[in-house]
Amino acid sequence: MAAPRVLVLRAPGTNCDEETAYAFEQAGGITERVHVNRLIENPALQDRYQILCLPGGFSYGDDIAAGRILATKLRQYLAELVDAFVHGNGDRLVLGICNGMQVLMRLGVLTEGIESDNHAPATLDWNDHGRFEDRWVDLVVDETPCVFLKGIERMYLPMAHAQGKFVAAGPKVIESMQQAGRLAVRYANGDHGKVQNEPLPFPINPNGADANTAGVCDASGRVFGLMPHPERHIDPTQHPFWTRRKTQPSQGDGMAMFNNAIEWFS
């Protein structure tokens, strides 16, 4: 079939849209960076695309809370677009990276169907140390239906955020999400680390996330949000220690996610 078209949604403060669009293009997709106001003016544009990606950055300056203003605009003006991509006919994908995950969490699509005594089953809070953190992290993939993580066991990716701590409403939420494979990717202790729920110390778990959670998917596996940045490690020379390697892989760890998204449509 024809190459899938990717909508990379940007807003004031988005700053990772070009790198993300490039990663999808390298995987074989046809990408277009579209401002949220353009979509509001012409919602029919959504029909062009098979993949919706909300990239990283600081949409609207992260005023009030990270991702909240963009999520509010989507809920108020583009609810049909969100519904079409998240539910629809099951023939589309959604990816939220860093600020994009924050938006998806504010919209509630990543925790949809999870029961909780509280209003929201989970949220993203400030990092434990209360400041912006920028470092590379080891990640391990749990058993999950997530389309983007097919065949991936672990990754080494950079993270850069201040409000990325996954906080669940209680142990039942963690248990329910893990059993459904929705706690898709976790911070790990080195490149031999395993999935574990007991919180790892800083800087292994860079924000104090419950169950060391770095990324969450919906029940179908088609909607995925993660805090680390796969688009910043698509080439092996982007690895911080690439000059010390005896052999170089053909691509960076993050590239497999974009390949999986494009190949899903083949």
C-alpha atoms as a PDB file:
ATOM      1  CA  MET A   1       0.000   0.000   0.000  1.00  0.00           C
ATOM      2  CA  ALA A   2       1.006   3.655  -0.237  1.00  0.00           C
ATOM      3  CA  ALA A   3       3.255   5.047   2.466  1.00  0.00           C
ATOM      4  CA  PRO A   4       1.229   6.148   5.507  1.00  0.00           C
ATOM      5  CA  ARG A   5       0.894   9.860   6.074  1.00  0.00           C
ATOM      6  CA  VAL A   6       1.938  11.274   9.440  1.00  0.00           C
ATOM      7  CA  LEU A   7       0.466  14.360  11.072  1.00  0.00           C
ATOM      8  CA  VAL A   8       3.053  15.912  13.407  1.00  0.00           C
ATOM      9  CA  LEU A   9       0.976  18.344  15.427  1.00  0.00           C
ATOM     10  CA  ARG A  10       2.716  21.482  16.643  1.00  0.00           C
ATOM     11  CA  ALA A  11       1.712  24.406  18.831  1.00  0.00           C
ATOM     12  CA  PRO A  12       3.434  27.479  20.278  1.00  0.00           C
ATOM     13  CA  GLY A  13       6.386  26.114  22.249  1.00  0.00           C
ATOM     14  CA  THR A  14       6.721  22.803  20.388  1.00  0.00           C
ATOM     15  CA  ASN A  15      10.406  22.295  19.564  1.00  0.00           C
ATOM     16  CA  CYS A  16      10.870  18.652  18.535  1.00  0.00           C
ATOM     17  CA  ASP A  17       8.552  18.559  15.527  1.00  0.00           C
ATOM     18  CA  GLU A  18      11.260  18.703  12.837  1.00  0.00           C
ATOM     19  CA  GLU A  19      13.320  15.873  14.343  1.00  0.00           C
ATOM     20  CA  THR A  20      10.215  13.745  14.826  1.00  0.00           C
ATOM     21  CA  ALA A  21       9.006  14.353  11.271  1.00  0.00           C
ATOM     22  CA  TYR A  22      12.480  13.435   9.992  1.00  0.00           C
ATOM     23  CA  ALA A  23      12.447  10.162  11.951  1.00  0.00           C
ATOM     24  CA  PHE A  24       9.111   9.153  10.436  1.00  0.00           C
ATOM     25  CA  GLU A  25      10.417  10.086   6.976  1.00  0.00           C
ATOM     26  CA  GLN A  26      13.512   7.938   7.486  1.00  0.00           C
ATOM     27  CA  ALA A  27      11.179   5.053   8.295  1.00  0.00           C
ATOM     28  CA  GLY A  28       9.305   5.586   5.029  1.00  0.00           C
ATOM     29  CA  GLY A  29       6.386   7.747   6.084  1.00  0.00           C
ATOM     30  CA  ILE A  30       5.110  10.939   4.460  1.00  0.00           C
ATOM     31  CA  THR A  31       5.086  13.619   7.121  1.00  0.00           C
ATOM     32  CA  GLU A  32       3.531  17.035   7.481  1.00  0.00           C
ATOM     33  CA  ARG A  33       3.997  19.394  10.410  1.00  0.00           C
ATOM     34  CA  VAL A  34       0.678  21.123  11.061  1.00  0.00           C
ATOM     35  CA  HIS A  35      -0.097  23.880  13.565  1.00  0.00           C
ATOM     36  CA  VAL A  36      -3.037  23.172  15.856  1.00  0.00           C
ATOM     37  CA  ASN A  37      -4.717  26.425  14.768  1.00  0.00           C
ATOM     38  CA  ARG A  38      -4.669  25.272  11.155  1.00  0.00           C
ATOM     39  CA  LEU A  39      -6.501  22.103  12.150  1.00  0.00           C
ATOM     40  CA  ILE A  40      -9.036  24.072  14.155  1.00  0.00           C
ATOM     41  CA  GLU A  41      -9.704  26.224  11.088  1.00  0.00           C
ATOM     42  CA  ASN A  42      -9.969  23.170   8.822  1.00  0.00           C
ATOM     43  CA  PRO A  43     -10.692  19.949  10.797  1.00  0.00           C
ATOM     44  CA  ALA A  44     -11.186  18.010   7.549  1.00  0.00           C
ATOM     45  CA  LEU A  45      -7.376  17.936   7.198  1.00  0.00           C
ATOM     46  CA  GLN A  46      -7.364  15.012   9.642  1.00  0.00           C
ATOM     47  CA  ASP A  47      -8.674  12.723   6.909  1.00  0.00           C
ATOM     48  CA  ARG A  48      -5.293  12.876   5.137  1.00  0.00           C
ATOM     49  CA  TYR A  49      -3.388  11.055   7.849  1.00  0.00           C
ATOM     50  CA  GLN A  50      -3.009   7.587   9.309  1.00  0.00           C
ATOM     51  CA  ILE A  51      -0.652   8.507  12.165  1.00  0.00           C
ATOM     52  CA  LEU A  52      -1.018  11.356  14.651  1.00  0.00           C
ATOM     53  CA  CYS A  53       2.115  12.351  16.554  1.00  0.00           C
ATOM     54  CA  LEU A  54       2.318  14.908  19.342  1.00  0.00           C
ATOM     55  CA  PRO A  55       6.039  15.733  19.638  1.00  0.00           C
ATOM     56  CA  GLY A  56       8.092  17.093  22.502  1.00  0.00           C
ATOM     57  CA  GLY A  57       8.610  20.657  23.631  1.00  0.00           C
ATOM     58  CA  PHE A  58       6.815  23.061  25.913  1.00  0.00           C
ATOM     59  CA  SER A  59       3.435  23.698  24.299  1.00  0.00           C
ATOM     60  CA  TYR A  60       2.084  27.077  25.398  1.00  0.00           C
ATOM     61  CA  GLY A  61       5.046  27.379  27.742  1.00  0.00           C
ATOM     62  CA  ASP A  62       3.667  24.570  29.936  1.00  0.00           C
ATOM     63  CA  ASP A  63       1.530  27.238  31.610  1.00  0.00           C
ATOM     64  CA  ILE A  64      -0.804  25.910  34.334  1.00  0.00           C
ATOM     65  CA  ALA A  65       0.634  22.404  33.862  1.00  0.00           C
ATOM     66  CA  ALA A  66       2.646  20.626  31.187  1.00  0.00           C
ATOM     67  CA  GLY A  67       0.457  19.812  28.185  1.00  0.00           C
ATOM     68  CA  ARG A  68      -2.760  21.059  29.750  1.00  0.00           C
ATOM     69  CA  ILE A  69      -3.494  24.002  27.439  1.00  0.00           C
ATOM     70  CA  LEU A  70      -2.943  22.003  24.251  1.00  0.00           C
ATOM     71  CA  ALA A  71      -5.028  19.154  25.671  1.00  0.00           C
ATOM     72  CA  THR A  72      -7.797  21.627  26.485  1.00  0.00           C
ATOM     73  CA  LYS A  73      -7.738  23.031  22.939  1.00  0.00           C
ATOM     74  CA  LEU A  74      -7.926  19.527  21.499  1.00  0.00           C
ATOM     75  CA  ARG A  75     -10.797  18.597  23.794  1.00  0.00           C
ATOM     76  CA  GLN A  76     -12.728  21.795  23.069  1.00  0.00           C
ATOM     77  CA  TYR A  77     -12.121  22.277  19.346  1.00  0.00           C
ATOM     78  CA  LEU A  78     -10.869  18.969  17.948  1.00  0.00           C
ATOM     79  CA  ALA A  79     -12.660  16.293  19.953  1.00  0.00           C
ATOM     80  CA  GLU A  80     -13.743  14.543  16.740  1.00  0.00           C
ATOM     81  CA  LEU A  81     -10.131  14.329  15.569  1.00  0.00           C
ATOM     82  CA  VAL A  82      -9.017  12.803  18.883  1.00  0.00           C
ATOM     83  CA  ASP A  83     -11.890  10.335  18.810  1.00  0.00           C
ATOM     84  CA  ALA A  84     -11.185   9.362  15.195  1.00  0.00           C
ATOM     85  CA  PHE A  85      -7.542   8.556  15.892  1.00  0.00           C
ATOM     86  CA  VAL A  86      -7.999   6.972  19.324  1.00  0.00           C
ATOM     87  CA  HIS A  87     -11.154   4.985  18.618  1.00  0.00           C
ATOM     88  CA  GLY A  88     -12.257   5.232  14.981  1.00  0.00           C
ATOM     89  CA  ASN A  89     -12.011   1.975  13.034  1.00  0.00           C
ATOM     90  CA  GLY A  90      -8.812   0.802  14.700  1.00  0.00           C
ATOM     91  CA  ASP A  91      -6.812   1.686  11.594  1.00  0.00           C
ATOM     92  CA  ARG A  92      -4.778   4.614  12.939  1.00  0.00           C
ATOM     93  CA  LEU A  93      -1.890   5.139  15.342  1.00  0.00           C
ATOM     94  CA  VAL A  94      -1.156   7.838  17.914  1.00  0.00           C
ATOM     95  CA  LEU A  95       2.241   8.641  19.423  1.00  0.00           C
ATOM     96  CA  GLY A  96       2.960  11.210  22.123  1.00  0.00           C
ATOM     97  CA  ILE A  97       6.573  11.985  22.994  1.00  0.00           C
ATOM     98  CA  CYS A  98       7.435  13.852  26.217  1.00  0.00           C
ATOM     99  CA  ASN A  99       5.150  16.912  26.016  1.00  0.00           C
ATOM    100  CA  GLY A 100       3.025  14.797  23.684  1.00  0.00           C
ATOM    101  CA  MET A 101       2.627  12.151  26.378  1.00  0.00           C
ATOM    102  CA  GLN A 102       1.701  14.888  28.825  1.00  0.00           C
ATOM    103  CA  VAL A 103      -1.044  15.990  26.424  1.00  0.00           C
ATOM    104  CA  LEU A 104      -2.333  12.423  25.994  1.00  0.00           C
ATOM    105  CA  MET A 105      -2.379  11.942  29.761  1.00  0.00           C
ATOM    106  CA  ARG A 106      -4.362  15.174  30.227  1.00  0.00           C
ATOM    107  CA  LEU A 107      -6.825  13.925  27.623  1.00  0.00           C
ATOM    108  CA  GLY A 108      -7.198  10.658  29.533  1.00  0.00           C
ATOM    109  CA  VAL A 109      -6.694   8.422  26.500  1.00  0.00           C
ATOM    110  CA  LEU A 110      -3.721   6.527  27.966  1.00  0.00           C
ATOM    111  CA  THR A 111      -5.632   5.478  31.093  1.00  0.00           C
ATOM    112  CA  GLU A 112      -9.025   5.000  29.456  1.00  0.00           C
ATOM    113  CA  GLY A 113     -10.871   1.969  30.812  1.00  0.00           C
ATOM    114  CA  ILE A 114      -8.836   1.776  34.028  1.00  0.00           C
ATOM    115  CA  GLU A 115     -11.030   1.889  37.113  1.00  0.00           C
ATOM    116  CA  SER A 116     -10.072   4.179  39.974  1.00  0.00           C
ATOM    117  CA  ASP A 117     -11.721   5.585  43.070  1.00  0.00           C
ATOM    118  CA  ASN A 118     -10.234   8.934  42.139  1.00  0.00           C
ATOM    119  CA  HIS A 119     -11.235  11.093  39.185  1.00  0.00           C
ATOM    120  CA  ALA A 120      -8.096  10.145  37.216  1.00  0.00           C
ATOM    121  CA  PRO A 121      -6.384   6.747  37.447  1.00  0.00           C
ATOM    122  CA  ALA A 122      -2.978   8.335  36.878  1.00  0.00           C
ATOM    123  CA  THR A 123      -1.243  11.581  36.034  1.00  0.00           C
ATOM    124  CA  LEU A 124       2.200  13.035  35.340  1.00  0.00           C
ATOM    125  CA  ASP A 125       3.639  15.079  38.191  1.00  0.00           C
ATOM    126  CA  TRP A 126       6.789  17.067  38.855  1.00  0.00           C
ATOM    127  CA  ASN A 127      10.047  15.132  39.049  1.00  0.00           C
ATOM    128  CA  ASP A 128      10.863  14.165  42.623  1.00  0.00           C
ATOM    129  CA  HIS A 129      13.681  16.700  42.887  1.00  0.00           C
ATOM    130  CA  GLY A 130      11.397  19.462  41.575  1.00  0.00           C
ATOM    131  CA  ARG A 131      13.478  20.561  38.606  1.00  0.00           C
ATOM    132  CA  PHE A 132      14.128  19.907  34.922  1.00  0.00           C
ATOM    133  CA  GLU A 133      16.216  16.795  34.300  1.00  0.00           C
ATOM    134  CA  ASP A 134      18.155  16.024  31.108  1.00  0.00           C
ATOM    135  CA  ARG A 135      20.029  12.711  30.844  1.00  0.00           C
ATOM    136  CA  TRP A 136      20.225   9.383  29.001  1.00  0.00           C
ATOM    137  CA  VAL A 137      18.282   6.485  30.507  1.00  0.00           C
ATOM    138  CA  ASP A 138      18.146   2.722  30.133  1.00  0.00           C
ATOM    139  CA  LEU A 139      14.702   1.381  29.286  1.00  0.00           C
ATOM    140  CA  VAL A 140      13.248  -2.111  29.252  1.00  0.00           C
ATOM    141  CA  VAL A 141      10.049  -3.105  27.457  1.00  0.00           C
ATOM    142  CA  ASP A 142       7.429  -5.062  29.402  1.00  0.00           C
ATOM    143  CA  GLU A 143       5.003  -7.537  27.824  1.00  0.00           C
ATOM    144  CA  THR A 144       2.714  -5.221  25.896  1.00  0.00           C
ATOM    145  CA  PRO A 145       0.401  -5.005  22.879  1.00  0.00           C
ATOM    146  CA  CYS A 146       2.007  -1.667  21.950  1.00  0.00           C
ATOM    147  CA  VAL A 147       2.468  -1.450  18.173  1.00  0.00           C
ATOM    148  CA  PHE A 148       5.423   0.913  18.454  1.00  0.00           C
ATOM    149  CA  LEU A 149       7.407  -1.493  20.672  1.00  0.00           C
ATOM    150  CA  LYS A 150       7.036  -4.691  18.637  1.00  0.00           C
ATOM    151  CA  GLY A 151      10.226  -6.741  18.796  1.00  0.00           C
ATOM    152  CA  ILE A 152      12.004  -4.224  21.046  1.00  0.00           C
ATOM    153  CA  GLU A 153      13.436  -5.508  24.338  1.00  0.00           C
ATOM    154  CA  ARG A 154      15.341  -2.474  25.576  1.00  0.00           C
ATOM    155  CA  MET A 155      16.420   1.014  24.536  1.00  0.00           C
ATOM    156  CA  TYR A 156      18.882   3.693  25.553  1.00  0.00           C
ATOM    157  CA  LEU A 157      17.290   7.098  25.010  1.00  0.00           C
ATOM    158  CA  PRO A 158      17.624  10.666  26.251  1.00  0.00           C
ATOM    159  CA  MET A 159      14.957  12.203  28.478  1.00  0.00           C
ATOM    160  CA  ALA A 160      14.423  15.913  29.127  1.00  0.00           C
ATOM    161  CA  HIS A 161      11.496  17.000  31.271  1.00  0.00           C
ATOM    162  CA  ALA A 162      10.403  18.527  34.560  1.00  0.00           C
ATOM    163  CA  GLN A 163       6.911  17.025  34.838  1.00  0.00           C
ATOM    164  CA  GLY A 164       7.288  13.409  33.771  1.00  0.00           C
ATOM    165  CA  LYS A 165       6.736  11.446  36.973  1.00  0.00           C
ATOM    166  CA  PHE A 166       4.024   8.841  36.369  1.00  0.00           C
ATOM    167  CA  VAL A 167       1.835   8.723  39.460  1.00  0.00           C
ATOM    168  CA  ALA A 168      -0.955   6.155  39.780  1.00  0.00           C
ATOM    169  CA  ALA A 169      -4.008   6.576  42.003  1.00  0.00           C
ATOM    170  CA  GLY A 170      -3.089   3.413  43.874  1.00  0.00           C
ATOM    171  CA  PRO A 171      -1.640  -0.115  43.714  1.00  0.00           C
ATOM    172  CA  LYS A 172      -4.785  -1.451  42.018  1.00  0.00           C
ATOM    173  CA  VAL A 173      -4.200   0.903  39.081  1.00  0.00           C
ATOM    174  CA  ILE A 174      -0.599  -0.281  38.711  1.00  0.00           C
ATOM    175  CA  GLU A 175      -1.704  -3.920  38.903  1.00  0.00           C
ATOM    176  CA  SER A 176      -4.524  -3.435  36.405  1.00  0.00           C
ATOM    177  CA  MET A 177      -2.370  -1.559  33.905  1.00  0.00           C
ATOM    178  CA  GLN A 178       0.515  -4.004  34.181  1.00  0.00           C
ATOM    179  CA  GLN A 179      -1.712  -7.044  33.698  1.00  0.00           C
ATOM    180  CA  ALA A 180      -3.087  -5.417  30.538  1.00  0.00           C
ATOM    181  CA  GLY A 181       0.425  -4.661  29.254  1.00  0.00           C
ATOM    182  CA  ARG A 182      -0.158  -0.934  29.439  1.00  0.00           C
ATOM    183  CA  LEU A 183       2.893  -0.023  31.524  1.00  0.00           C
ATOM    184  CA  ALA A 184       4.739  -0.625  28.296  1.00  0.00           C
ATOM    185  CA  VAL A 185       8.241   0.666  28.965  1.00  0.00           C
ATOM    186  CA  ARG A 186      10.116   1.123  32.243  1.00  0.00           C
ATOM    187  CA  TYR A 187      13.293   2.744  33.477  1.00  0.00           C
ATOM    188  CA  ALA A 188      15.873   0.016  34.112  1.00  0.00           C
ATOM    189  CA  ASN A 189      19.094  -0.534  36.034  1.00  0.00           C
ATOM    190  CA  GLY A 190      21.659  -0.620  33.241  1.00  0.00           C
ATOM    191  CA  ASP A 191      21.468  -2.504  29.970  1.00  0.00           C
ATOM    192  CA  HIS A 192      20.826  -5.771  31.841  1.00  0.00           C
ATOM    193  CA  GLY A 193      18.067  -4.375  34.051  1.00  0.00           C
ATOM    194  CA  LYS A 194      14.714  -6.106  34.254  1.00  0.00           C
ATOM    195  CA  VAL A 195      11.133  -4.910  34.635  1.00  0.00           C
ATOM    196  CA  GLN A 196      10.354  -4.232  38.272  1.00  0.00           C
ATOM    197  CA  ASN A 197       7.682  -2.338  40.159  1.00  0.00           C
ATOM    198  CA  GLU A 198       9.773  -1.354  43.157  1.00  0.00           C
ATOM    199  CA  PRO A 199      10.892   2.237  42.415  1.00  0.00           C
ATOM    200  CA  LEU A 200      14.540   2.434  41.411  1.00  0.00           C
ATOM    201  CA  PRO A 201      16.716   5.225  42.833  1.00  0.00           C
ATOM    202  CA  PHE A 202      17.721   8.413  41.054  1.00  0.00           C
ATOM    203  CA  PRO A 203      19.178   8.714  38.447  1.00  0.00           C
ATOM    204  CA  ILE A 204      18.177   5.249  37.163  1.00  0.00           C
ATOM    205  CA  ASN A 205      14.569   6.320  37.590  1.00  0.00           C
ATOM    206  CA  PRO A 206      15.113  10.010  36.810  1.00  0.00           C
ATOM    207  CA  ASN A 207      11.805  11.346  38.118  1.00  0.00           C
ATOM    208  CA  GLY A 208      10.550   8.914  40.776  1.00  0.00           C
ATOM    209  CA  ALA A 209       7.823   7.396  38.578  1.00  0.00           C
ATOM    210  CA  ASP A 210       5.599   4.735  40.102  1.00  0.00           C
ATOM    211  CA  ALA A 211       6.652   1.255  38.959  1.00  0.00           C
ATOM    212  CA  ASN A 212       9.525   2.965  37.075  1.00  0.00           C
ATOM    213  CA  THR A 213       7.066   3.789  34.310  1.00  0.00           C
ATOM    214  CA  ALA A 214       8.479   5.667  31.313  1.00  0.00           C
ATOM    215  CA  GLY A 215       5.727   4.984  28.777  1.00  0.00           C
ATOM    216  CA  VAL A 216       2.088   3.886  28.707  1.00  0.00           C
ATOM    217  CA  CYS A 217      -0.188   2.561  25.963  1.00  0.00           C
ATOM    218  CA  ASP A 218      -3.932   2.181  25.617  1.00  0.00           C
ATOM    219  CA  ALA A 219      -5.729  -1.179  25.659  1.00  0.00           C
ATOM    220  CA  SER A 220      -5.415  -1.628  21.879  1.00  0.00           C
ATOM    221  CA  GLY A 221      -1.690  -0.858  21.750  1.00  0.00           C
ATOM    222  CA  ARG A 222      -2.282   1.709  19.001  1.00  0.00           C
ATOM    223  CA  VAL A 223      -1.991   4.768  21.256  1.00  0.00           C
ATOM    224  CA  PHE A 224       1.345   5.203  23.016  1.00  0.00           C
ATOM    225  CA  GLY A 225       2.968   7.902  25.087  1.00  0.00           C
ATOM    226  CA  LEU A 226       6.502   7.942  26.465  1.00  0.00           C
ATOM    227  CA  MET A 227       8.596  10.554  28.227  1.00  0.00           C
ATOM    228  CA  PRO A 228      12.064   9.750  26.743  1.00  0.00           C
ATOM    229  CA  HIS A 229      12.836  10.941  23.202  1.00  0.00           C
ATOM    230  CA  PRO A 230      13.226   8.209  20.540  1.00  0.00           C
ATOM    231  CA  GLU A 231      13.627  10.845  17.791  1.00  0.00           C
ATOM    232  CA  ARG A 232      16.889  11.960  19.421  1.00  0.00           C
ATOM    233  CA  HIS A 233      18.501   8.556  18.936  1.00  0.00           C
ATOM    234  CA  ILE A 234      17.754   7.355  15.427  1.00  0.00           C
ATOM    235  CA  ASP A 235      21.385   7.347  14.244  1.00  0.00           C
ATOM    236  CA  PRO A 236      24.153   5.419  16.041  1.00  0.00           C
ATOM    237  CA  THR A 237      26.354   8.532  16.145  1.00  0.00           C
ATOM    238  CA  GLN A 238      23.783  10.181  18.438  1.00  0.00           C
ATOM    239  CA  HIS A 239      24.723   7.716  21.179  1.00  0.00           C
ATOM    240  CA  PRO A 240      26.816   9.624  23.772  1.00  0.00           C
ATOM    241  CA  PHE A 241      29.572   6.972  23.682  1.00  0.00           C
ATOM    242  CA  TRP A 242      29.466   6.078  20.016  1.00  0.00           C
ATOM    243  CA  THR A 243      33.187   6.681  19.463  1.00  0.00           C
ATOM    244  CA  ARG A 244      34.037   4.071  22.118  1.00  0.00           C
ATOM    245  CA  ARG A 245      32.058   1.276  20.502  1.00  0.00           C
ATOM    246  CA  LYS A 246      34.003  -1.507  18.786  1.00  0.00           C
ATOM    247  CA  THR A 247      31.114  -2.085  16.388  1.00  0.00           C
ATOM    248  CA  GLN A 248      28.344   0.272  15.335  1.00  0.00           C
ATOM    249  CA  PRO A 249      24.708  -0.788  14.978  1.00  0.00           C
ATOM    250  CA  SER A 250      22.946   0.177  11.773  1.00  0.00           C
ATOM    251  CA  GLN A 251      20.629   2.598  13.552  1.00  0.00           C
ATOM    252  CA  GLY A 252      19.965   4.240  16.906  1.00  0.00           C
ATOM    253  CA  ASP A 253      17.707   2.589  19.457  1.00  0.00           C
ATOM    254  CA  GLY A 254      14.785   4.933  18.869  1.00  0.00           C
ATOM    255  CA  MET A 255      14.538   4.229  15.136  1.00  0.00           C
ATOM    256  CA  ALA A 256      12.846   0.857  15.650  1.00  0.00           C
ATOM    257  CA  MET A 257       9.777   2.588  17.064  1.00  0.00           C
ATOM    258  CA  PHE A 258       9.273   4.641  13.921  1.00  0.00           C
ATOM    259  CA  ASN A 259       9.945   1.624  11.700  1.00  0.00           C
ATOM    260  CA  ASN A 260       7.293  -0.341  13.598  1.00  0.00           C
ATOM    261  CA  ALA A 261       4.734   2.425  13.108  1.00  0.00           C
ATOM    262  CA  ILE A 262       5.246   2.567   9.344  1.00  0.00           C
ATOM    263  CA  GLU A 263       5.471  -1.206   8.906  1.00  0.00           C
ATOM    264  CA  TRP A 264       2.164  -1.661  10.764  1.00  0.00           C
ATOM    265  CA  PHE A 265       0.401  -0.346   7.672  1.00  0.00           C
ATOM    266  CA  SER A 266       2.106  -2.714   5.230  1.00  0.00           C
END
